[in-house]
Amino acid sequence: MKLTKATYRKPDDHGDTSFDIEASVENKKEDIVDMSVASLTIIDGNDNTVACDYEREDSSYAEKDETFSVYLSCYAKDYLISDFNKAKAIVDLATYKKEYKKIGEFDIPKDHKSTIQSNPSDDHSVCVKLAVKNISNEYIQKALIKVQLNDRSGANLMDSEDYRPLPPNATVYFEPSVYAKSGKLKGAKLDVSISSFHLIEHYNAESLIKLSKD
């Protein structure tokens, strides 16, 4: 990873200085990158942290030997940095691969005893309740449950997502929900799937910052 841009702007009327960083990452692994999470730290000449942008998630995509870019920004009061010529931007970035599995297709129930339920009103709320257990020792950065509500013809009415991190050997509860008019739920179905994101590589880069010419 390299920082292709590391700039700051002159303070505005409130004394706020903005920092704009661009990082370029080449994927050298066989795994396809489907997500990245980056953090930006701005330090002064004495290694004091003056600003940061924490865990910026992007839907990055790169196959082997392909490159993608991420953009980060943050603000700080200008009086916190005595000498901008010595200030640095430090970026930590992790890439993740995605694993996908379709859980199944479900009919909309007419009762209120099923795991998937709808409330008796004109606008029916349909809730999916799932418990997912991580049976490995790996920390899974993100597990995402997606629910697609499709009418009797197969046309999509609404999508919903719920996501959480999955610590090692932990069980996490998900509860995504969708809604539609009661008439549209006749013969409708729910497609439920899960995606999990697993660490590929961690990168670190730093650069002195320069005054923006924009």
N, C-alpha and C. Protein backbone atom coordinates (compact mmCIF):
# COMPACT_ATOMS: atom_id res chain seq x y z
N MET A 1 0.85 -1.20 0.00
CA MET A 1 0.00 0.00 0.00
C MET A 1 0.88 1.24 0.00
N LYS A 2 0.46 2.24 -0.75
CA LYS A 2 1.15 3.52 -0.73
C LYS A 2 0.13 4.65 -0.68
N LEU A 3 0.55 5.76 -0.08
CA LEU A 3 -0.31 6.92 0.00
C LEU A 3 -0.02 7.81 -1.20
N THR A 4 -1.00 7.91 -2.08
CA THR A 4 -0.84 8.70 -3.31
C THR A 4 -1.23 10.16 -3.12
N LYS A 5 -1.86 10.46 -1.98
CA LYS A 5 -2.22 11.83 -1.65
C LYS A 5 -2.25 11.98 -0.14
N ALA A 6 -1.61 13.04 0.36
CA ALA A 6 -1.64 13.34 1.79
C ALA A 6 -1.53 14.85 1.92
N THR A 7 -2.67 15.53 1.99
CA THR A 7 -2.68 16.98 1.97
C THR A 7 -3.53 17.55 3.10
N TYR A 8 -3.30 18.82 3.39
CA TYR A 8 -4.13 19.55 4.34
C TYR A 8 -4.52 20.88 3.71
N ARG A 9 -5.60 21.44 4.19
CA ARG A 9 -6.06 22.75 3.70
C ARG A 9 -5.84 23.81 4.78
N LYS A 10 -5.69 25.01 4.35
CA LYS A 10 -5.52 26.10 5.31
C LYS A 10 -6.75 26.18 6.21
N PRO A 11 -6.56 26.62 7.45
CA PRO A 11 -7.69 26.67 8.39
C PRO A 11 -8.83 27.54 7.88
N ASP A 12 -10.07 27.13 8.20
CA ASP A 12 -11.22 27.93 7.84
C ASP A 12 -11.45 29.01 8.90
N ASP A 13 -12.57 29.69 8.82
CA ASP A 13 -12.85 30.79 9.75
C ASP A 13 -12.99 30.32 11.20
N HIS A 14 -13.22 29.01 11.38
CA HIS A 14 -13.37 28.47 12.73
C HIS A 14 -12.07 27.86 13.25
N GLY A 15 -11.01 27.96 12.45
CA GLY A 15 -9.73 27.39 12.86
C GLY A 15 -9.61 25.90 12.63
N ASP A 16 -10.51 25.34 11.80
CA ASP A 16 -10.47 23.91 11.50
C ASP A 16 -9.63 23.64 10.26
N THR A 17 -8.71 22.71 10.37
CA THR A 17 -7.89 22.28 9.24
C THR A 17 -8.34 20.90 8.80
N SER A 18 -8.57 20.71 7.51
CA SER A 18 -9.00 19.40 7.00
C SER A 18 -7.83 18.68 6.35
N PHE A 19 -7.85 17.35 6.48
CA PHE A 19 -6.82 16.50 5.92
C PHE A 19 -7.48 15.53 4.93
N ASP A 20 -6.88 15.37 3.77
CA ASP A 20 -7.41 14.48 2.73
C ASP A 20 -6.32 13.50 2.33
N ILE A 21 -6.65 12.21 2.45
CA ILE A 21 -5.67 11.16 2.19
C ILE A 21 -6.25 10.16 1.18
N GLU A 22 -5.41 9.74 0.25
CA GLU A 22 -5.78 8.69 -0.69
C GLU A 22 -4.74 7.58 -0.62
N ALA A 23 -5.21 6.34 -0.44
CA ALA A 23 -4.32 5.19 -0.37
C ALA A 23 -4.61 4.25 -1.54
N SER A 24 -3.54 3.75 -2.14
CA SER A 24 -3.65 2.79 -3.25
C SER A 24 -3.13 1.44 -2.79
N VAL A 25 -3.93 0.40 -3.01
CA VAL A 25 -3.60 -0.94 -2.51
C VAL A 25 -3.63 -1.93 -3.66
N GLU A 26 -2.55 -2.69 -3.81
CA GLU A 26 -2.51 -3.76 -4.81
C GLU A 26 -2.71 -5.10 -4.11
N ASN A 27 -3.67 -5.86 -4.59
CA ASN A 27 -3.96 -7.17 -4.01
C ASN A 27 -3.02 -8.21 -4.63
N LYS A 28 -2.10 -8.72 -3.83
CA LYS A 28 -1.15 -9.73 -4.31
C LYS A 28 -1.57 -11.14 -3.91
N LYS A 29 -2.72 -11.26 -3.28
CA LYS A 29 -3.19 -12.56 -2.82
C LYS A 29 -4.15 -13.19 -3.83
N GLU A 30 -4.33 -14.51 -3.70
CA GLU A 30 -5.27 -15.22 -4.56
C GLU A 30 -6.71 -14.88 -4.22
N ASP A 31 -6.97 -14.58 -2.96
CA ASP A 31 -8.33 -14.26 -2.54
C ASP A 31 -8.79 -12.94 -3.13
N ILE A 32 -10.06 -12.86 -3.49
CA ILE A 32 -10.64 -11.62 -4.02
C ILE A 32 -11.00 -10.70 -2.86
N VAL A 33 -10.59 -9.45 -2.96
CA VAL A 33 -10.94 -8.45 -1.95
C VAL A 33 -12.37 -7.99 -2.20
N ASP A 34 -13.22 -8.09 -1.18
CA ASP A 34 -14.61 -7.64 -1.29
C ASP A 34 -14.94 -6.52 -0.31
N MET A 35 -14.01 -6.23 0.59
CA MET A 35 -14.25 -5.17 1.57
C MET A 35 -12.90 -4.74 2.15
N SER A 36 -12.82 -3.46 2.51
CA SER A 36 -11.64 -2.98 3.22
C SER A 36 -12.09 -2.12 4.39
N VAL A 37 -11.27 -2.10 5.43
CA VAL A 37 -11.51 -1.26 6.61
C VAL A 37 -10.22 -0.51 6.90
N ALA A 38 -10.30 0.82 6.93
CA ALA A 38 -9.10 1.63 7.09
C ALA A 38 -9.26 2.62 8.24
N SER A 39 -8.12 2.96 8.84
CA SER A 39 -8.08 3.98 9.89
C SER A 39 -6.98 4.98 9.56
N LEU A 40 -7.26 6.25 9.78
CA LEU A 40 -6.31 7.33 9.52
C LEU A 40 -5.96 8.02 10.83
N THR A 41 -4.66 8.25 11.04
CA THR A 41 -4.19 8.99 12.20
C THR A 41 -3.28 10.12 11.74
N ILE A 42 -3.53 11.31 12.21
CA ILE A 42 -2.67 12.46 11.93
C ILE A 42 -1.86 12.75 13.19
N ILE A 43 -0.53 12.79 13.06
CA ILE A 43 0.32 13.10 14.21
C ILE A 43 1.16 14.35 13.92
N ASP A 44 1.51 15.06 14.98
CA ASP A 44 2.36 16.23 14.81
C ASP A 44 3.83 15.81 14.86
N GLY A 45 4.73 16.78 14.85
CA GLY A 45 6.15 16.48 14.84
C GLY A 45 6.67 15.82 16.10
N ASN A 46 5.86 15.82 17.16
CA ASN A 46 6.24 15.18 18.42
C ASN A 46 5.52 13.86 18.64
N ASP A 47 4.95 13.32 17.57
CA ASP A 47 4.23 12.03 17.61
C ASP A 47 2.97 12.07 18.47
N ASN A 48 2.39 13.26 18.63
CA ASN A 48 1.11 13.39 19.31
C ASN A 48 -0.02 13.26 18.30
N THR A 49 -1.03 12.48 18.63
CA THR A 49 -2.19 12.35 17.74
C THR A 49 -3.05 13.60 17.84
N VAL A 50 -3.37 14.18 16.68
CA VAL A 50 -4.19 15.40 16.66
C VAL A 50 -5.53 15.19 15.97
N ALA A 51 -5.66 14.11 15.18
CA ALA A 51 -6.92 13.83 14.50
C ALA A 51 -6.91 12.39 14.03
N CYS A 52 -8.11 11.83 13.81
CA CYS A 52 -8.18 10.46 13.30
C CYS A 52 -9.52 10.21 12.63
N ASP A 53 -9.53 9.20 11.79
CA ASP A 53 -10.74 8.70 11.13
C ASP A 53 -10.70 7.19 11.33
N TYR A 54 -11.61 6.65 12.15
CA TYR A 54 -11.49 5.27 12.64
C TYR A 54 -12.42 4.31 11.93
N GLU A 55 -11.87 3.19 11.46
CA GLU A 55 -12.61 2.09 10.86
C GLU A 55 -13.55 2.54 9.75
N ARG A 56 -13.00 3.15 8.73
CA ARG A 56 -13.77 3.53 7.55
C ARG A 56 -13.94 2.30 6.65
N GLU A 57 -15.16 1.82 6.56
CA GLU A 57 -15.43 0.61 5.77
C GLU A 57 -15.80 0.99 4.34
N ASP A 58 -15.22 0.27 3.36
CA ASP A 58 -15.52 0.49 1.95
C ASP A 58 -15.80 -0.84 1.27
N SER A 59 -16.68 -0.79 0.27
CA SER A 59 -16.95 -1.99 -0.54
C SER A 59 -15.90 -2.10 -1.64
N SER A 60 -14.66 -2.20 -1.23
CA SER A 60 -13.55 -2.30 -2.18
C SER A 60 -13.61 -3.64 -2.90
N TYR A 61 -13.07 -3.66 -4.12
CA TYR A 61 -13.04 -4.92 -4.88
C TYR A 61 -11.75 -4.99 -5.68
N ALA A 62 -11.05 -6.10 -5.56
CA ALA A 62 -9.83 -6.30 -6.34
C ALA A 62 -9.52 -7.78 -6.42
N GLU A 63 -9.35 -8.28 -7.64
CA GLU A 63 -8.84 -9.63 -7.82
C GLU A 63 -7.32 -9.59 -7.75
N LYS A 64 -6.68 -10.74 -7.88
CA LYS A 64 -5.22 -10.79 -7.75
C LYS A 64 -4.55 -9.85 -8.75
N ASP A 65 -3.59 -9.07 -8.27
CA ASP A 65 -2.79 -8.11 -9.05
C ASP A 65 -3.59 -6.88 -9.49
N GLU A 66 -4.81 -6.75 -9.01
CA GLU A 66 -5.58 -5.53 -9.27
C GLU A 66 -5.40 -4.55 -8.11
N THR A 67 -5.64 -3.26 -8.42
CA THR A 67 -5.43 -2.20 -7.44
C THR A 67 -6.74 -1.47 -7.18
N PHE A 68 -6.95 -1.08 -5.92
CA PHE A 68 -8.10 -0.26 -5.57
C PHE A 68 -7.62 0.89 -4.70
N SER A 69 -8.45 1.92 -4.57
CA SER A 69 -8.10 3.10 -3.79
C SER A 69 -9.15 3.35 -2.72
N VAL A 70 -8.71 3.92 -1.61
CA VAL A 70 -9.63 4.36 -0.56
C VAL A 70 -9.30 5.81 -0.22
N TYR A 71 -10.33 6.53 0.23
CA TYR A 71 -10.18 7.95 0.53
C TYR A 71 -10.58 8.18 1.99
N LEU A 72 -9.74 8.90 2.69
CA LEU A 72 -9.97 9.17 4.11
C LEU A 72 -9.81 10.66 4.37
N SER A 73 -10.53 11.14 5.37
CA SER A 73 -10.43 12.56 5.71
C SER A 73 -10.75 12.75 7.18
N CYS A 74 -10.24 13.84 7.74
CA CYS A 74 -10.55 14.19 9.12
C CYS A 74 -10.22 15.67 9.33
N TYR A 75 -10.54 16.17 10.52
CA TYR A 75 -10.35 17.59 10.84
C TYR A 75 -9.62 17.73 12.16
N ALA A 76 -8.95 18.86 12.31
CA ALA A 76 -8.29 19.18 13.58
C ALA A 76 -8.19 20.70 13.70
N LYS A 77 -8.13 21.19 14.92
CA LYS A 77 -7.87 22.60 15.14
C LYS A 77 -6.43 22.91 14.76
N ASP A 78 -6.21 23.99 14.04
CA ASP A 78 -4.87 24.28 13.53
C ASP A 78 -3.86 24.54 14.64
N TYR A 79 -4.31 25.02 15.81
CA TYR A 79 -3.37 25.31 16.89
C TYR A 79 -2.77 24.05 17.50
N LEU A 80 -3.33 22.88 17.17
CA LEU A 80 -2.78 21.63 17.69
C LEU A 80 -1.49 21.23 16.99
N ILE A 81 -1.24 21.79 15.82
CA ILE A 81 -0.04 21.45 15.05
C ILE A 81 0.84 22.68 14.94
N SER A 82 1.97 22.65 15.61
CA SER A 82 2.86 23.82 15.61
C SER A 82 3.63 23.95 14.29
N ASP A 83 3.93 22.81 13.65
CA ASP A 83 4.69 22.83 12.40
C ASP A 83 4.09 21.80 11.44
N PHE A 84 3.35 22.29 10.45
CA PHE A 84 2.70 21.38 9.51
C PHE A 84 3.71 20.63 8.65
N ASN A 85 4.91 21.17 8.50
CA ASN A 85 5.94 20.50 7.70
C ASN A 85 6.41 19.19 8.32
N LYS A 86 6.13 19.00 9.61
CA LYS A 86 6.55 17.79 10.31
C LYS A 86 5.38 16.85 10.60
N ALA A 87 4.19 17.26 10.25
CA ALA A 87 3.00 16.43 10.52
C ALA A 87 2.95 15.25 9.54
N LYS A 88 2.42 14.13 10.02
CA LYS A 88 2.34 12.90 9.21
C LYS A 88 0.93 12.34 9.20
N ALA A 89 0.64 11.64 8.12
CA ALA A 89 -0.57 10.83 8.03
C ALA A 89 -0.17 9.37 8.09
N ILE A 90 -0.82 8.61 8.95
CA ILE A 90 -0.57 7.18 9.08
C ILE A 90 -1.87 6.44 8.78
N VAL A 91 -1.80 5.49 7.85
CA VAL A 91 -2.99 4.73 7.46
C VAL A 91 -2.77 3.25 7.74
N ASP A 92 -3.70 2.65 8.45
CA ASP A 92 -3.76 1.19 8.63
C ASP A 92 -4.98 0.69 7.89
N LEU A 93 -4.79 -0.34 7.08
CA LEU A 93 -5.88 -0.86 6.26
C LEU A 93 -5.85 -2.38 6.24
N ALA A 94 -7.02 -2.97 6.33
CA ALA A 94 -7.16 -4.43 6.24
C ALA A 94 -8.11 -4.78 5.11
N THR A 95 -7.78 -5.84 4.37
CA THR A 95 -8.64 -6.32 3.29
C THR A 95 -9.33 -7.61 3.74
N TYR A 96 -10.53 -7.83 3.15
CA TYR A 96 -11.35 -8.97 3.56
C TYR A 96 -11.95 -9.67 2.35
N LYS A 97 -12.04 -10.99 2.44
CA LYS A 97 -12.74 -11.78 1.43
C LYS A 97 -14.14 -12.10 1.93
N LYS A 98 -15.04 -12.35 0.99
CA LYS A 98 -16.44 -12.63 1.36
C LYS A 98 -16.76 -14.09 1.10
N GLU A 99 -17.45 -14.69 2.06
CA GLU A 99 -18.04 -16.02 1.88
C GLU A 99 -19.55 -15.88 1.96
N TYR A 100 -20.24 -16.50 1.01
CA TYR A 100 -21.70 -16.34 0.87
C TYR A 100 -22.39 -17.68 0.95
N LYS A 101 -23.54 -17.68 1.62
CA LYS A 101 -24.37 -18.89 1.66
C LYS A 101 -25.84 -18.49 1.71
N LYS A 102 -26.65 -19.11 0.86
CA LYS A 102 -28.09 -18.90 0.90
C LYS A 102 -28.68 -19.80 1.98
N ILE A 103 -29.37 -19.20 2.92
CA ILE A 103 -29.97 -19.97 4.01
C ILE A 103 -31.24 -20.68 3.55
N GLY A 104 -32.05 -19.99 2.73
CA GLY A 104 -33.23 -20.64 2.20
C GLY A 104 -34.32 -19.67 1.80
N GLU A 105 -35.37 -20.22 1.25
CA GLU A 105 -36.55 -19.44 0.85
C GLU A 105 -37.71 -19.85 1.76
N PHE A 106 -38.44 -18.86 2.27
CA PHE A 106 -39.48 -19.13 3.26
C PHE A 106 -40.79 -18.47 2.84
N ASP A 107 -41.89 -19.21 3.05
CA ASP A 107 -43.22 -18.64 2.85
C ASP A 107 -43.52 -17.67 3.98
N ILE A 108 -44.34 -16.67 3.69
CA ILE A 108 -44.81 -15.76 4.75
C ILE A 108 -45.84 -16.51 5.59
N PRO A 109 -45.61 -16.67 6.89
CA PRO A 109 -46.54 -17.45 7.71
C PRO A 109 -47.84 -16.70 8.00
N LYS A 110 -48.89 -17.45 8.22
CA LYS A 110 -50.17 -16.84 8.56
C LYS A 110 -50.40 -16.81 10.06
N ASP A 111 -49.57 -17.55 10.80
CA ASP A 111 -49.74 -17.58 12.25
C ASP A 111 -48.66 -16.72 12.91
N HIS A 112 -48.63 -16.75 14.24
CA HIS A 112 -47.65 -15.97 14.99
C HIS A 112 -46.80 -16.86 15.88
N LYS A 113 -46.62 -18.10 15.44
CA LYS A 113 -45.84 -19.04 16.23
C LYS A 113 -44.53 -19.40 15.54
N SER A 114 -44.41 -19.00 14.29
CA SER A 114 -43.21 -19.32 13.52
C SER A 114 -42.06 -18.38 13.88
N THR A 115 -40.83 -18.79 13.55
CA THR A 115 -39.66 -17.92 13.75
C THR A 115 -39.79 -16.66 12.92
N ILE A 116 -40.41 -16.79 11.75
CA ILE A 116 -40.66 -15.64 10.88
C ILE A 116 -42.12 -15.26 11.04
N GLN A 117 -42.39 -14.02 11.47
CA GLN A 117 -43.74 -13.63 11.83
C GLN A 117 -44.17 -12.36 11.12
N SER A 118 -45.48 -12.19 10.98
CA SER A 118 -46.03 -10.94 10.47
C SER A 118 -47.11 -10.45 11.42
N ASN A 119 -47.22 -9.17 11.60
CA ASN A 119 -48.19 -8.59 12.52
C ASN A 119 -49.51 -8.32 11.81
N PRO A 120 -50.63 -8.51 12.51
CA PRO A 120 -51.95 -8.34 11.87
C PRO A 120 -52.33 -6.86 11.74
N SER A 121 -51.86 -6.22 10.69
CA SER A 121 -52.22 -4.83 10.42
C SER A 121 -52.19 -4.63 8.91
N ASP A 122 -52.59 -3.45 8.47
CA ASP A 122 -52.57 -3.19 7.03
C ASP A 122 -51.15 -3.28 6.49
N ASP A 123 -50.22 -2.64 7.19
CA ASP A 123 -48.80 -2.79 6.87
C ASP A 123 -48.24 -3.91 7.73
N HIS A 124 -47.91 -5.02 7.11
CA HIS A 124 -47.40 -6.16 7.85
C HIS A 124 -45.88 -6.06 7.96
N SER A 125 -45.39 -6.22 9.17
CA SER A 125 -43.96 -6.26 9.43
C SER A 125 -43.54 -7.72 9.57
N VAL A 126 -42.58 -8.12 8.77
CA VAL A 126 -42.11 -9.51 8.76
C VAL A 126 -40.70 -9.54 9.31
N CYS A 127 -40.50 -10.25 10.39
CA CYS A 127 -39.21 -10.26 11.08
C CYS A 127 -38.56 -11.63 11.00
N VAL A 128 -37.29 -11.65 10.69
CA VAL A 128 -36.50 -12.88 10.67
C VAL A 128 -35.56 -12.85 11.86
N LYS A 129 -35.59 -13.91 12.66
CA LYS A 129 -34.73 -13.98 13.85
C LYS A 129 -33.77 -15.15 13.69
N LEU A 130 -32.47 -14.81 13.74
CA LEU A 130 -31.44 -15.82 13.53
C LEU A 130 -30.36 -15.70 14.59
N ALA A 131 -29.87 -16.85 15.04
CA ALA A 131 -28.68 -16.89 15.90
C ALA A 131 -27.57 -17.56 15.10
N VAL A 132 -26.42 -16.89 15.00
CA VAL A 132 -25.29 -17.41 14.23
C VAL A 132 -24.13 -17.65 15.18
N LYS A 133 -23.57 -18.85 15.13
CA LYS A 133 -22.44 -19.19 16.00
C LYS A 133 -21.16 -19.31 15.18
N ASN A 134 -20.12 -18.65 15.66
CA ASN A 134 -18.79 -18.77 15.07
C ASN A 134 -18.09 -19.93 15.76
N ILE A 135 -17.90 -21.05 15.06
CA ILE A 135 -17.33 -22.24 15.68
C ILE A 135 -15.81 -22.29 15.51
N SER A 136 -15.22 -21.21 15.03
CA SER A 136 -13.77 -21.16 14.81
C SER A 136 -13.11 -20.26 15.85
N ASN A 137 -11.78 -20.19 15.79
CA ASN A 137 -11.01 -19.28 16.64
C ASN A 137 -10.69 -17.98 15.92
N GLU A 138 -11.29 -17.78 14.75
CA GLU A 138 -11.06 -16.58 13.94
C GLU A 138 -12.04 -15.48 14.32
N TYR A 139 -11.52 -14.26 14.42
CA TYR A 139 -12.42 -13.11 14.58
C TYR A 139 -12.95 -12.73 13.21
N ILE A 140 -14.27 -12.82 13.04
CA ILE A 140 -14.90 -12.49 11.76
C ILE A 140 -15.34 -11.03 11.82
N GLN A 141 -14.76 -10.22 10.96
CA GLN A 141 -14.98 -8.78 11.00
C GLN A 141 -16.45 -8.40 10.84
N LYS A 142 -17.15 -9.14 9.99
CA LYS A 142 -18.54 -8.77 9.71
C LYS A 142 -19.32 -9.99 9.22
N ALA A 143 -20.46 -10.24 9.85
CA ALA A 143 -21.42 -11.22 9.35
C ALA A 143 -22.68 -10.46 9.01
N LEU A 144 -23.20 -10.68 7.82
CA LEU A 144 -24.34 -9.90 7.32
C LEU A 144 -25.47 -10.83 6.91
N ILE A 145 -26.62 -10.64 7.51
CA ILE A 145 -27.83 -11.37 7.13
C ILE A 145 -28.65 -10.47 6.21
N LYS A 146 -28.98 -10.98 5.03
CA LYS A 146 -29.79 -10.23 4.06
C LYS A 146 -31.12 -10.93 3.85
N VAL A 147 -32.20 -10.15 3.89
CA VAL A 147 -33.54 -10.66 3.66
C VAL A 147 -34.14 -9.94 2.45
N GLN A 148 -34.61 -10.71 1.49
CA GLN A 148 -35.28 -10.16 0.30
C GLN A 148 -36.73 -10.62 0.31
N LEU A 149 -37.63 -9.66 0.30
CA LEU A 149 -39.06 -9.95 0.26
C LEU A 149 -39.53 -9.88 -1.19
N ASN A 150 -40.02 -11.00 -1.72
CA ASN A 150 -40.48 -11.09 -3.11
C ASN A 150 -41.96 -11.44 -3.15
N ASP A 151 -42.70 -10.79 -4.06
CA ASP A 151 -44.13 -11.07 -4.16
C ASP A 151 -44.37 -12.38 -4.90
N ARG A 152 -45.64 -12.69 -5.12
CA ARG A 152 -46.00 -13.99 -5.70
C ARG A 152 -45.45 -14.18 -7.12
N SER A 153 -45.17 -13.07 -7.83
CA SER A 153 -44.61 -13.17 -9.17
C SER A 153 -43.09 -13.25 -9.16
N GLY A 154 -42.48 -13.08 -7.99
CA GLY A 154 -41.03 -13.09 -7.88
C GLY A 154 -40.40 -11.72 -7.89
N ALA A 155 -41.23 -10.67 -8.06
CA ALA A 155 -40.71 -9.31 -8.07
C ALA A 155 -40.30 -8.89 -6.66
N ASN A 156 -39.21 -8.18 -6.55
CA ASN A 156 -38.70 -7.76 -5.26
C ASN A 156 -39.51 -6.60 -4.70
N LEU A 157 -39.95 -6.74 -3.44
CA LEU A 157 -40.69 -5.69 -2.77
C LEU A 157 -39.81 -4.85 -1.85
N MET A 158 -38.86 -5.51 -1.19
CA MET A 158 -38.04 -4.80 -0.22
C MET A 158 -36.88 -5.69 0.20
N ASP A 159 -35.73 -5.06 0.51
CA ASP A 159 -34.59 -5.76 1.08
C ASP A 159 -34.28 -5.18 2.46
N SER A 160 -33.69 -6.00 3.30
CA SER A 160 -33.26 -5.54 4.61
C SER A 160 -32.01 -6.30 5.02
N GLU A 161 -31.14 -5.63 5.79
CA GLU A 161 -29.89 -6.25 6.24
C GLU A 161 -29.68 -6.00 7.74
N ASP A 162 -29.00 -6.92 8.37
CA ASP A 162 -28.53 -6.74 9.74
C ASP A 162 -27.14 -7.33 9.80
N TYR A 163 -26.21 -6.63 10.45
CA TYR A 163 -24.83 -7.13 10.47
C TYR A 163 -24.18 -6.87 11.82
N ARG A 164 -23.24 -7.76 12.14
CA ARG A 164 -22.52 -7.72 13.41
C ARG A 164 -21.14 -8.33 13.20
N PRO A 165 -20.17 -7.99 14.06
CA PRO A 165 -18.93 -8.78 14.09
C PRO A 165 -19.18 -10.09 14.81
N LEU A 166 -18.36 -11.09 14.51
CA LEU A 166 -18.50 -12.40 15.15
C LEU A 166 -17.18 -12.76 15.84
N PRO A 167 -17.08 -12.55 17.14
CA PRO A 167 -15.87 -12.96 17.87
C PRO A 167 -15.70 -14.47 17.84
N PRO A 168 -14.50 -14.96 18.12
CA PRO A 168 -14.26 -16.41 18.12
C PRO A 168 -15.19 -17.14 19.10
N ASN A 169 -15.79 -18.23 18.61
CA ASN A 169 -16.63 -19.12 19.42
C ASN A 169 -17.85 -18.43 20.03
N ALA A 170 -18.24 -17.30 19.47
CA ALA A 170 -19.38 -16.55 20.00
C ALA A 170 -20.64 -16.84 19.20
N THR A 171 -21.78 -16.64 19.83
CA THR A 171 -23.08 -16.70 19.17
C THR A 171 -23.68 -15.31 19.16
N VAL A 172 -24.11 -14.86 17.99
CA VAL A 172 -24.63 -13.50 17.83
C VAL A 172 -26.03 -13.57 17.24
N TYR A 173 -26.90 -12.70 17.73
CA TYR A 173 -28.31 -12.68 17.35
C TYR A 173 -28.57 -11.62 16.29
N PHE A 174 -29.30 -11.97 15.24
CA PHE A 174 -29.66 -11.06 14.15
C PHE A 174 -31.18 -10.98 14.04
N GLU A 175 -31.68 -9.79 13.68
CA GLU A 175 -33.12 -9.61 13.59
C GLU A 175 -33.49 -8.60 12.49
N PRO A 176 -33.22 -8.92 11.23
CA PRO A 176 -33.65 -8.03 10.14
C PRO A 176 -35.15 -8.14 9.92
N SER A 177 -35.77 -7.08 9.41
CA SER A 177 -37.21 -7.11 9.17
C SER A 177 -37.55 -6.35 7.91
N VAL A 178 -38.67 -6.71 7.30
CA VAL A 178 -39.20 -6.04 6.11
C VAL A 178 -40.70 -5.82 6.34
N TYR A 179 -41.32 -5.04 5.47
CA TYR A 179 -42.76 -4.82 5.61
C TYR A 179 -43.38 -4.55 4.23
N ALA A 180 -44.69 -4.78 4.15
CA ALA A 180 -45.43 -4.53 2.91
C ALA A 180 -46.92 -4.55 3.24
N LYS A 181 -47.74 -4.06 2.31
CA LYS A 181 -49.19 -4.14 2.46
C LYS A 181 -49.62 -5.60 2.51
N SER A 182 -50.66 -5.85 3.28
CA SER A 182 -51.07 -7.23 3.50
C SER A 182 -51.40 -7.96 2.20
N GLY A 183 -51.99 -7.26 1.24
CA GLY A 183 -52.33 -7.89 -0.03
C GLY A 183 -51.12 -8.37 -0.79
N LYS A 184 -50.03 -7.62 -0.70
CA LYS A 184 -48.80 -7.99 -1.41
C LYS A 184 -48.09 -9.17 -0.78
N LEU A 185 -48.45 -9.48 0.47
CA LEU A 185 -47.80 -10.59 1.14
C LEU A 185 -48.43 -11.94 0.81
N LYS A 186 -49.59 -11.92 0.13
CA LYS A 186 -50.23 -13.17 -0.25
C LYS A 186 -49.36 -13.89 -1.29
N GLY A 187 -48.89 -15.07 -0.93
CA GLY A 187 -48.04 -15.84 -1.84
C GLY A 187 -46.60 -15.35 -1.88
N ALA A 188 -46.27 -14.35 -1.07
CA ALA A 188 -44.91 -13.81 -1.08
C ALA A 188 -43.94 -14.76 -0.37
N LYS A 189 -42.66 -14.56 -0.66
CA LYS A 189 -41.63 -15.39 -0.05
C LYS A 189 -40.46 -14.53 0.41
N LEU A 190 -39.70 -15.09 1.34
CA LEU A 190 -38.50 -14.44 1.85
C LEU A 190 -37.28 -15.25 1.43
N ASP A 191 -36.33 -14.58 0.78
CA ASP A 191 -35.02 -15.18 0.52
C ASP A 191 -34.06 -14.68 1.58
N VAL A 192 -33.45 -15.62 2.31
CA VAL A 192 -32.55 -15.26 3.40
C VAL A 192 -31.16 -15.81 3.11
N SER A 193 -30.15 -14.94 3.25
CA SER A 193 -28.77 -15.36 2.99
C SER A 193 -27.84 -14.75 4.03
N ILE A 194 -26.63 -15.31 4.12
CA ILE A 194 -25.61 -14.79 5.03
C ILE A 194 -24.30 -14.62 4.27
N SER A 195 -23.63 -13.51 4.54
CA SER A 195 -22.29 -13.26 4.02
C SER A 195 -21.37 -13.00 5.21
N SER A 196 -20.17 -13.53 5.16
CA SER A 196 -19.20 -13.27 6.21
C SER A 196 -17.91 -12.78 5.57
N PHE A 197 -17.20 -11.89 6.28
CA PHE A 197 -16.02 -11.25 5.74
C PHE A 197 -14.81 -11.60 6.59
N HIS A 198 -13.78 -12.17 5.93
CA HIS A 198 -12.63 -12.75 6.62
C HIS A 198 -11.35 -12.05 6.19
N LEU A 199 -10.47 -11.84 7.15
CA LEU A 199 -9.24 -11.09 6.92
C LEU A 199 -8.35 -11.75 5.88
N ILE A 200 -7.83 -10.93 4.95
CA ILE A 200 -6.84 -11.38 3.98
C ILE A 200 -5.46 -10.85 4.36
N GLU A 201 -5.36 -9.51 4.48
CA GLU A 201 -4.05 -8.88 4.68
C GLU A 201 -4.19 -7.56 5.41
N HIS A 202 -3.17 -7.21 6.17
CA HIS A 202 -3.12 -5.91 6.84
C HIS A 202 -1.98 -5.09 6.23
N TYR A 203 -2.24 -3.80 6.02
CA TYR A 203 -1.26 -2.89 5.42
C TYR A 203 -1.08 -1.67 6.32
N ASN A 204 0.10 -1.07 6.21
CA ASN A 204 0.40 0.17 6.93
C ASN A 204 1.27 1.05 6.07
N ALA A 205 0.97 2.34 6.05
CA ALA A 205 1.79 3.30 5.29
C ALA A 205 1.68 4.66 5.95
N GLU A 206 2.70 5.49 5.77
CA GLU A 206 2.67 6.83 6.33
C GLU A 206 3.36 7.80 5.37
N SER A 207 3.03 9.07 5.54
CA SER A 207 3.59 10.10 4.66
C SER A 207 3.50 11.45 5.34
N LEU A 208 4.46 12.31 5.07
CA LEU A 208 4.35 13.71 5.49
C LEU A 208 3.20 14.33 4.71
N ILE A 209 2.51 15.28 5.31
CA ILE A 209 1.40 15.93 4.62
C ILE A 209 1.86 17.24 4.01
N LYS A 210 1.24 17.61 2.91
CA LYS A 210 1.59 18.83 2.21
C LYS A 210 0.36 19.72 2.06
N LEU A 211 0.59 21.01 1.90
CA LEU A 211 -0.50 21.95 1.70
C LEU A 211 -1.18 21.68 0.35
N SER A 212 -2.50 21.57 0.35
CA SER A 212 -3.24 21.31 -0.87
C SER A 212 -3.15 22.51 -1.82
N LYS A 213 -3.06 22.19 -3.11
CA LYS A 213 -2.99 23.23 -4.14
C LYS A 213 -4.38 23.58 -4.66
N ASP A 214 -5.39 22.83 -4.22
CA ASP A 214 -6.77 23.09 -4.68
C ASP A 214 -7.33 24.36 -4.10
